[in-house]
PDB file of N, CA and C in Angstrom:
ATOM      1  N   MET A   1     -15.075 -45.594  16.291  1.00  0.00           N
ATOM      2  CA  MET A   1     -13.720 -45.033  15.601  1.00  0.00           C
ATOM      3  C   MET A   1     -12.765 -45.849  16.077  1.00  0.00           C
ATOM      4  N   GLU A   2     -11.700 -45.738  15.344  1.00  0.00           N
ATOM      5  CA  GLU A   2     -10.395 -46.643  15.768  1.00  0.00           C
ATOM      6  C   GLU A   2      -9.169 -45.742  16.167  1.00  0.00           C
ATOM      7  N   LYS A   3      -9.082 -45.595  17.343  1.00  0.00           N
ATOM      8  CA  LYS A   3      -7.962 -44.888  17.701  1.00  0.00           C
ATOM      9  C   LYS A   3      -6.431 -45.288  16.788  1.00  0.00           C
ATOM     10  N   THR A   4      -5.621 -44.359  16.472  1.00  0.00           N
ATOM     11  CA  THR A   4      -4.347 -44.908  15.993  1.00  0.00           C
ATOM     12  C   THR A   4      -3.367 -44.244  16.485  1.00  0.00           C
ATOM     13  N   GLY A   5      -3.360 -43.302  17.277  1.00  0.00           N
ATOM     14  CA  GLY A   5      -2.364 -42.880  18.353  1.00  0.00           C
ATOM     15  C   GLY A   5      -2.906 -41.510  19.112  1.00  0.00           C
ATOM     16  N   THR A   6      -1.507 -40.849  19.272  1.00  0.00           N
ATOM     17  CA  THR A   6      -1.916 -39.563  20.017  1.00  0.00           C
ATOM     18  C   THR A   6      -1.017 -38.210  19.490  1.00  0.00           C
ATOM     19  N   CYS A   7      -1.513 -37.057  19.423  1.00  0.00           N
ATOM     20  CA  CYS A   7      -0.481 -35.903  18.844  1.00  0.00           C
ATOM     21  C   CYS A   7       0.443 -35.723  19.777  1.00  0.00           C
ATOM     22  N   LYS A   8       1.588 -35.804  19.338  1.00  0.00           N
ATOM     23  CA  LYS A   8       3.072 -35.452  20.324  1.00  0.00           C
ATOM     24  C   LYS A   8       2.896 -33.970  20.828  1.00  0.00           C
ATOM     25  N   ILE A   9       2.146 -33.211  20.678  1.00  0.00           N
ATOM     26  CA  ILE A   9       2.048 -32.177  21.553  1.00  0.00           C
ATOM     27  C   ILE A   9       1.151 -32.118  22.577  1.00  0.00           C
ATOM     28  N   CYS A  10       0.268 -32.368  22.365  1.00  0.00           N
ATOM     29  CA  CYS A  10      -1.236 -32.147  23.223  1.00  0.00           C
ATOM     30  C   CYS A  10      -1.646 -33.366  23.591  1.00  0.00           C
ATOM     31  N   ASN A  11      -1.481 -34.656  22.630  1.00  0.00           N
ATOM     32  CA  ASN A  11      -2.138 -35.923  23.491  1.00  0.00           C
ATOM     33  C   ASN A  11      -3.304 -36.269  22.811  1.00  0.00           C
ATOM     34  N   ILE A  12      -4.056 -35.297  22.109  1.00  0.00           N
ATOM     35  CA  ILE A  12      -5.181 -35.230  21.828  1.00  0.00           C
ATOM     36  C   ILE A  12      -5.337 -36.638  20.939  1.00  0.00           C
ATOM     37  N   ASN A  13      -6.554 -37.721  20.758  1.00  0.00           N
ATOM     38  CA  ASN A  13      -6.470 -38.692  20.091  1.00  0.00           C
ATOM     39  C   ASN A  13      -6.514 -38.714  18.475  1.00  0.00           C
ATOM     40  N   LEU A  14      -5.920 -39.491  17.709  1.00  0.00           N
ATOM     41  CA  LEU A  14      -5.617 -39.472  16.306  1.00  0.00           C
ATOM     42  C   LEU A  14      -6.864 -40.684  16.034  1.00  0.00           C
ATOM     43  N   TRP A  15      -7.549 -40.757  14.758  1.00  0.00           N
ATOM     44  CA  TRP A  15      -8.298 -41.741  14.405  1.00  0.00           C
ATOM     45  C   TRP A  15      -8.408 -42.195  13.385  1.00  0.00           C
ATOM     46  N   ALA A  16      -8.196 -43.443  13.222  1.00  0.00           N
ATOM     47  CA  ALA A  16      -8.235 -44.241  11.539  1.00  0.00           C
ATOM     48  C   ALA A  16      -9.093 -43.107  10.652  1.00  0.00           C
ATOM     49  N   GLU A  17     -10.360 -42.946  11.016  1.00  0.00           N
ATOM     50  CA  GLU A  17     -11.643 -42.619  10.368  1.00  0.00           C
ATOM     51  C   GLU A  17     -11.151 -41.188   9.570  1.00  0.00           C
ATOM     52  N   THR A  18     -10.106 -40.315  10.395  1.00  0.00           N
ATOM     53  CA  THR A  18      -9.728 -38.851   9.712  1.00  0.00           C
ATOM     54  C   THR A  18      -8.343 -38.863   9.492  1.00  0.00           C
ATOM     55  N   ASP A  19      -7.980 -40.007   9.048  1.00  0.00           N
ATOM     56  CA  ASP A  19      -6.782 -40.194   8.182  1.00  0.00           C
ATOM     57  C   ASP A  19      -5.540 -39.830   9.154  1.00  0.00           C
ATOM     58  N   ASN A  20      -5.487 -40.723  10.569  1.00  0.00           N
ATOM     59  CA  ASN A  20      -4.506 -40.539  11.543  1.00  0.00           C
ATOM     60  C   ASN A  20      -4.488 -39.139  12.186  1.00  0.00           C
ATOM     61  N   LYS A  21      -5.561 -38.212  12.011  1.00  0.00           N
ATOM     62  CA  LYS A  21      -5.641 -37.067  12.393  1.00  0.00           C
ATOM     63  C   LYS A  21      -6.344 -36.605  13.359  1.00  0.00           C
ATOM     64  N   PRO A  22      -6.625 -35.622  14.202  1.00  0.00           N
ATOM     65  CA  PRO A  22      -7.709 -35.544  15.258  1.00  0.00           C
ATOM     66  C   PRO A  22      -8.947 -35.105  14.735  1.00  0.00           C
ATOM     67  N   SER A  23     -10.073 -35.291  14.891  1.00  0.00           N
ATOM     68  CA  SER A  23     -11.331 -35.251  14.686  1.00  0.00           C
ATOM     69  C   SER A  23     -11.875 -33.822  14.795  1.00  0.00           C
ATOM     70  N   VAL A  24     -11.188 -33.128  15.937  1.00  0.00           N
ATOM     71  CA  VAL A  24     -11.904 -31.982  16.279  1.00  0.00           C
ATOM     72  C   VAL A  24     -10.384 -31.085  16.427  1.00  0.00           C
ATOM     73  N   PHE A  25     -11.095 -29.978  15.444  1.00  0.00           N
ATOM     74  CA  PHE A  25     -10.376 -28.974  15.032  1.00  0.00           C
ATOM     75  C   PHE A  25     -10.695 -27.437  15.332  1.00  0.00           C
ATOM     76  N   PRO A  26     -10.226 -26.543  15.493  1.00  0.00           N
ATOM     77  CA  PRO A  26      -8.636 -26.210  15.804  1.00  0.00           C
ATOM     78  C   PRO A  26      -8.463 -26.399  17.744  1.00  0.00           C
ATOM     79  N   CYS A  27      -7.266 -26.738  17.767  1.00  0.00           N
ATOM     80  CA  CYS A  27      -6.810 -26.672  19.038  1.00  0.00           C
ATOM     81  C   CYS A  27      -6.120 -25.523  19.654  1.00  0.00           C
ATOM     82  N   GLY A  28      -5.329 -25.227  18.829  1.00  0.00           N
ATOM     83  CA  GLY A  28      -4.787 -23.586  18.949  1.00  0.00           C
ATOM     84  C   GLY A  28      -3.691 -23.404  19.661  1.00  0.00           C
ATOM     85  N   ILE A  29      -3.096 -24.922  19.990  1.00  0.00           N
ATOM     86  CA  ILE A  29      -1.978 -25.247  20.520  1.00  0.00           C
ATOM     87  C   ILE A  29      -0.421 -24.717  19.802  1.00  0.00           C
ATOM     88  N   ALA A  30       0.371 -24.004  20.169  1.00  0.00           N
ATOM     89  CA  ALA A  30       1.566 -23.622  19.610  1.00  0.00           C
ATOM     90  C   ALA A  30       2.311 -24.794  18.936  1.00  0.00           C
ATOM     91  N   ASP A  31       2.786 -24.848  17.949  1.00  0.00           N
ATOM     92  CA  ASP A  31       3.318 -25.618  17.147  1.00  0.00           C
ATOM     93  C   ASP A  31       2.797 -27.099  16.711  1.00  0.00           C
ATOM     94  N   CYS A  32       1.159 -26.831  16.786  1.00  0.00           N
ATOM     95  CA  CYS A  32       0.361 -28.069  16.108  1.00  0.00           C
ATOM     96  C   CYS A  32       0.662 -28.881  15.074  1.00  0.00           C
ATOM     97  N   PRO A  33       1.177 -29.958  14.788  1.00  0.00           N
ATOM     98  CA  PRO A  33       1.539 -30.577  13.477  1.00  0.00           C
ATOM     99  C   PRO A  33       0.485 -30.749  12.787  1.00  0.00           C
ATOM    100  N   TYR A  34      -0.853 -30.534  13.122  1.00  0.00           N
ATOM    101  CA  TYR A  34      -2.091 -30.789  12.149  1.00  0.00           C
ATOM    102  C   TYR A  34      -2.759 -29.670  11.958  1.00  0.00           C
ATOM    103  N   GLU A  35      -2.421 -28.201  12.295  1.00  0.00           N
ATOM    104  CA  GLU A  35      -3.020 -27.015  12.203  1.00  0.00           C
ATOM    105  C   GLU A  35      -1.683 -26.171  11.623  1.00  0.00           C
ATOM    106  N   SER A  36      -2.077 -25.113  10.698  1.00  0.00           N
ATOM    107  CA  SER A  36      -1.359 -24.306  10.246  1.00  0.00           C
ATOM    108  C   SER A  36      -1.508 -22.973  11.011  1.00  0.00           C
ATOM    109  N   PRO A  37      -0.540 -21.682  11.123  1.00  0.00           N
ATOM    110  CA  PRO A  37      -0.685 -20.805  11.712  1.00  0.00           C
ATOM    111  C   PRO A  37      -1.856 -20.002  11.212  1.00  0.00           C
ATOM    112  N   GLU A  38      -2.195 -20.025   9.722  1.00  0.00           N
ATOM    113  CA  GLU A  38      -3.551 -19.406   9.323  1.00  0.00           C
ATOM    114  C   GLU A  38      -4.742 -20.000  10.097  1.00  0.00           C
ATOM    115  N   LEU A  39      -4.626 -21.130  10.203  1.00  0.00           N
ATOM    116  CA  LEU A  39      -5.765 -21.927  10.839  1.00  0.00           C
ATOM    117  C   LEU A  39      -6.099 -21.301  11.863  1.00  0.00           C
ATOM    118  N   GLN A  40      -5.105 -21.364  12.880  1.00  0.00           N
ATOM    119  CA  GLN A  40      -4.933 -21.045  14.637  1.00  0.00           C
ATOM    120  C   GLN A  40      -5.334 -19.459  14.609  1.00  0.00           C
ATOM    121  N   ALA A  41      -5.039 -18.755  13.601  1.00  0.00           N
ATOM    122  CA  ALA A  41      -5.058 -17.115  13.689  1.00  0.00           C
ATOM    123  C   ALA A  41      -6.871 -16.888  13.171  1.00  0.00           C
ATOM    124  N   GLN A  42      -7.800 -17.988  13.002  1.00  0.00           N
ATOM    125  CA  GLN A  42      -8.793 -17.788  12.830  1.00  0.00           C
ATOM    126  C   GLN A  42      -9.821 -18.070  13.813  1.00  0.00           C
ATOM    127  N   ILE A  43      -9.230 -18.631  15.073  1.00  0.00           N
ATOM    128  CA  ILE A  43     -10.196 -18.916  16.376  1.00  0.00           C
ATOM    129  C   ILE A  43     -10.253 -17.740  16.818  1.00  0.00           C
ATOM    130  N   ASP A  44     -11.652 -17.853  17.169  1.00  0.00           N
ATOM    131  CA  ASP A  44     -12.307 -16.789  17.813  1.00  0.00           C
ATOM    132  C   ASP A  44     -12.928 -17.204  19.428  1.00  0.00           C
ATOM    133  N   TYR A  45     -11.609 -16.444  20.163  1.00  0.00           N
ATOM    134  CA  TYR A  45     -11.931 -16.881  21.702  1.00  0.00           C
ATOM    135  C   TYR A  45     -12.857 -15.808  22.513  1.00  0.00           C
ATOM    136  N   GLU A  46     -13.367 -14.845  21.642  1.00  0.00           N
ATOM    137  CA  GLU A  46     -14.083 -13.926  22.116  1.00  0.00           C
ATOM    138  C   GLU A  46     -15.230 -14.296  22.957  1.00  0.00           C
ATOM    139  N   HIS A  47     -15.876 -15.335  22.545  1.00  0.00           N
ATOM    140  CA  HIS A  47     -17.110 -16.157  22.988  1.00  0.00           C
ATOM    141  C   HIS A  47     -16.760 -17.680  23.514  1.00  0.00           C
ATOM    142  N   GLU A  48     -15.683 -17.575  24.009  1.00  0.00           N
ATOM    143  CA  GLU A  48     -15.386 -19.136  24.771  1.00  0.00           C
ATOM    144  C   GLU A  48     -16.185 -19.239  25.883  1.00  0.00           C
ATOM    145  N   ARG A  49     -16.824 -18.031  26.692  1.00  0.00           N
ATOM    146  CA  ARG A  49     -17.649 -18.689  27.922  1.00  0.00           C
ATOM    147  C   ARG A  49     -18.831 -18.024  27.768  1.00  0.00           C
ATOM    148  N   SER A  50     -19.933 -18.632  28.479  1.00  0.00           N
ATOM    149  CA  SER A  50     -21.152 -18.157  28.351  1.00  0.00           C
ATOM    150  C   SER A  50     -21.116 -16.547  29.212  1.00  0.00           C
ATOM    151  N   PRO A  51     -21.816 -15.662  28.771  1.00  0.00           N
ATOM    152  CA  PRO A  51     -22.332 -14.470  29.488  1.00  0.00           C
ATOM    153  C   PRO A  51     -22.973 -14.712  30.833  1.00  0.00           C
ATOM    154  N   THR A  52     -23.532 -15.704  30.816  1.00  0.00           N
ATOM    155  CA  THR A  52     -24.435 -16.011  32.006  1.00  0.00           C
ATOM    156  C   THR A  52     -24.075 -17.230  33.155  1.00  0.00           C
ATOM    157  N   GLY A  53     -22.623 -17.419  32.647  1.00  0.00           N
ATOM    158  CA  GLY A  53     -21.846 -18.413  33.656  1.00  0.00           C
ATOM    159  C   GLY A  53     -22.197 -19.765  33.398  1.00  0.00           C
ATOM    160  N   SER A  54     -21.690 -21.023  34.015  1.00  0.00           N
ATOM    161  CA  SER A  54     -21.771 -22.163  33.650  1.00  0.00           C
ATOM    162  C   SER A  54     -23.374 -22.558  34.435  1.00  0.00           C
ATOM    163  N   GLY A  55     -23.912 -23.783  33.529  1.00  0.00           N
ATOM    164  CA  GLY A  55     -24.970 -24.167  34.490  1.00  0.00           C
ATOM    165  C   GLY A  55     -24.555 -25.169  35.530  1.00  0.00           C
ATOM    166  N   LEU A  56     -23.227 -25.637  35.969  1.00  0.00           N
ATOM    167  CA  LEU A  56     -22.953 -26.467  36.987  1.00  0.00           C
ATOM    168  C   LEU A  56     -22.656 -25.392  38.198  1.00  0.00           C
ATOM    169  N   ALA A  57     -22.302 -24.176  37.738  1.00  0.00           N
ATOM    170  CA  ALA A  57     -21.551 -23.254  38.445  1.00  0.00           C
ATOM    171  C   ALA A  57     -23.177 -22.650  39.465  1.00  0.00           C
ATOM    172  N   GLN A  58     -23.978 -22.355  38.684  1.00  0.00           N
ATOM    173  CA  GLN A  58     -25.240 -21.721  39.034  1.00  0.00           C
ATOM    174  C   GLN A  58     -26.196 -22.836  39.980  1.00  0.00           C
ATOM    175  N   ALA A  59     -25.843 -24.090  39.478  1.00  0.00           N
ATOM    176  CA  ALA A  59     -26.262 -25.137  40.341  1.00  0.00           C
ATOM    177  C   ALA A  59     -25.780 -25.172  41.553  1.00  0.00           C
ATOM    178  N   LEU A  60     -24.375 -25.268  41.962  1.00  0.00           N
ATOM    179  CA  LEU A  60     -23.842 -25.347  43.164  1.00  0.00           C
ATOM    180  C   LEU A  60     -24.333 -24.076  43.907  1.00  0.00           C
ATOM    181  N   GLU A  61     -24.004 -22.806  43.176  1.00  0.00           N
ATOM    182  CA  GLU A  61     -24.464 -21.890  44.097  1.00  0.00           C
ATOM    183  C   GLU A  61     -25.933 -21.980  44.449  1.00  0.00           C
ATOM    184  N   MET A  62     -26.855 -22.283  43.533  1.00  0.00           N
ATOM    185  CA  MET A  62     -28.451 -22.481  44.395  1.00  0.00           C
ATOM    186  C   MET A  62     -28.242 -23.374  45.567  1.00  0.00           C
ATOM    187  N   LEU A  63     -27.497 -24.477  45.527  1.00  0.00           N
ATOM    188  CA  LEU A  63     -27.330 -25.621  46.669  1.00  0.00           C
ATOM    189  C   LEU A  63     -26.639 -25.060  48.050  1.00  0.00           C
ATOM    190  N   SER A  64     -26.114 -24.029  47.754  1.00  0.00           N
ATOM    191  CA  SER A  64     -25.375 -23.612  49.151  1.00  0.00           C
ATOM    192  C   SER A  64     -25.844 -22.422  49.924  1.00  0.00           C
TER     193      SER A  64
END
């Protein structure tokens, strides 16, 4: 992919292949120039974390 710039709000990469927009949505950052408030309202953060924790945290706990 060809990087064409970065978002002025969050510095995420913009790409030529996605019409000079980010390729990952939604970011959920207020005033994002690439997302509407309606799109951001659809973000579901309820399942943001695993109920069993991260694999890295579990591995580190086992090593200590």
